[in-house]
Amino acid sequence: RLFRHVVHPRLPRVGFVGHNSSFMVPACSQLATLWLAAVWRGNLALPPPEEMEASCARVLEWKKANLVAEGCAPHAVGPRFQQYQDALCKELGISPWRKLPN
């Protein structure tokens, strides 16, 4: 299981960008790349390994309870891609707004 679908909680110096499965692979991969670069540059601190593992477990349990199509695939972002992108944007300090109000 990968924290934010990018890093293993016990091996944070190894990243897997583009590993997640979603409808928006290029956009998710670009944000994941920015997120991983921020982590490796020291601009974004990771929680302790135990917290990352607990987060991964919560996501997996939520998927099992709510998403039949994804089942328990820990790498799939699928229909949650907007929530996933919003989470990465929030941690990066980037606005998650996709459109400006008219």
Protein backbone atom coordinates (compact mmCIF):
# COMPACT_ATOMS: atom_id res chain seq x y z
CA ARG A 1 0.00 0.00 0.00
CA LEU A 2 1.26 3.41 -0.96
CA PHE A 3 0.58 6.61 0.95
CA ARG A 4 -1.17 9.03 -1.39
CA HIS A 5 -0.71 6.26 -3.99
CA VAL A 6 2.91 7.41 -4.31
CA VAL A 7 5.22 6.35 -1.45
CA HIS A 8 5.49 3.33 0.78
CA PRO A 9 5.23 4.38 4.43
CA ARG A 10 8.43 2.52 5.30
CA LEU A 11 10.36 3.47 2.11
CA PRO A 12 9.63 7.18 1.55
CA ARG A 13 12.71 7.66 -0.66
CA VAL A 14 11.11 5.43 -3.32
CA GLY A 15 8.19 6.83 -5.33
CA PHE A 16 5.74 5.37 -7.83
CA VAL A 17 4.21 8.12 -9.94
CA GLY A 18 1.60 6.98 -12.48
CA HIS A 19 0.98 3.75 -10.60
CA ASN A 20 -2.58 4.64 -9.66
CA SER A 21 -5.42 3.71 -11.95
CA SER A 22 -7.89 6.47 -12.77
CA PHE A 23 -9.81 8.20 -15.51
CA MET A 24 -7.37 11.09 -15.28
CA VAL A 25 -3.97 9.35 -15.21
CA PRO A 26 -2.01 12.27 -16.76
CA ALA A 27 -3.46 14.87 -14.37
CA CYS A 28 -3.12 12.60 -11.34
CA SER A 29 0.43 11.71 -12.34
CA GLN A 30 1.39 15.36 -12.76
CA LEU A 31 0.06 16.25 -9.31
CA ALA A 32 1.67 13.16 -7.79
CA THR A 33 5.00 14.21 -9.37
CA LEU A 34 4.70 17.69 -7.84
CA TRP A 35 3.76 16.15 -4.49
CA LEU A 36 6.67 13.69 -4.55
CA ALA A 37 9.15 16.40 -5.57
CA ALA A 38 7.92 18.56 -2.67
CA VAL A 39 8.45 15.65 -0.28
CA TRP A 40 11.94 14.90 -1.57
CA ARG A 41 12.94 18.59 -1.54
CA GLY A 42 11.86 18.84 2.07
CA ASN A 43 9.02 21.27 1.31
CA LEU A 44 6.34 18.79 2.40
CA ALA A 45 6.78 16.68 5.52
CA LEU A 46 5.38 13.18 5.59
CA PRO A 47 3.54 11.97 8.67
CA PRO A 48 5.18 9.20 10.72
CA PRO A 49 5.05 5.73 9.06
CA GLU A 50 2.35 4.54 11.46
CA GLU A 51 0.06 7.44 10.46
CA MET A 52 0.66 6.80 6.76
CA GLU A 53 -0.13 3.10 7.22
CA ALA A 54 -3.31 3.98 9.12
CA SER A 55 -4.32 6.36 6.31
CA CYS A 56 -3.75 3.64 3.71
CA ALA A 57 -5.86 1.23 5.77
CA ARG A 58 -8.70 3.78 6.09
CA VAL A 59 -8.74 4.37 2.33
CA LEU A 60 -8.77 0.64 1.63
CA GLU A 61 -11.58 0.00 4.11
CA TRP A 62 -13.61 2.86 2.63
CA LYS A 63 -13.11 1.40 -0.85
CA LYS A 64 -14.22 -2.06 0.27
CA ALA A 65 -17.37 -0.61 1.82
CA ASN A 66 -18.29 1.87 -0.93
CA LEU A 67 -16.82 0.98 -4.32
CA VAL A 68 -17.87 -2.23 -6.00
CA ALA A 69 -16.01 -1.48 -9.26
CA GLU A 70 -12.65 -0.90 -7.57
CA GLY A 71 -13.06 -3.60 -4.99
CA CYS A 72 -10.01 -3.62 -2.78
CA ALA A 73 -7.43 -2.58 -5.39
CA PRO A 74 -5.18 -0.35 -3.28
CA HIS A 75 -3.67 1.35 -6.35
CA ALA A 76 -6.93 2.42 -7.98
CA VAL A 77 -8.11 6.02 -7.73
CA GLY A 78 -10.86 5.52 -10.30
CA PRO A 79 -14.02 7.52 -9.69
CA ARG A 80 -12.39 9.24 -6.68
CA PHE A 81 -9.83 11.03 -8.84
CA GLN A 82 -11.18 14.50 -7.99
CA GLN A 83 -11.00 13.78 -4.26
CA TYR A 84 -7.48 12.44 -4.75
CA GLN A 85 -6.40 15.51 -6.72
CA ASP A 86 -7.99 17.82 -4.14
CA ALA A 87 -6.04 16.09 -1.34
CA LEU A 88 -2.74 16.47 -3.19
CA CYS A 89 -3.50 20.11 -4.05
CA LYS A 90 -4.34 20.89 -0.43
CA GLU A 91 -1.08 19.40 0.81
CA LEU A 92 0.86 21.30 -1.86
CA GLY A 93 -0.87 24.58 -1.07
CA ILE A 94 -2.41 24.69 -4.58
CA SER A 95 -6.00 25.79 -5.08
CA PRO A 96 -8.18 22.80 -6.05
CA TRP A 97 -10.59 25.06 -8.02
CA ARG A 98 -10.88 23.82 -11.57
CA LYS A 99 -12.90 26.78 -12.89
CA LEU A 100 -13.32 30.38 -11.87
CA PRO A 101 -16.84 31.57 -11.11
CA ASN A 102 -18.56 33.21 -14.08
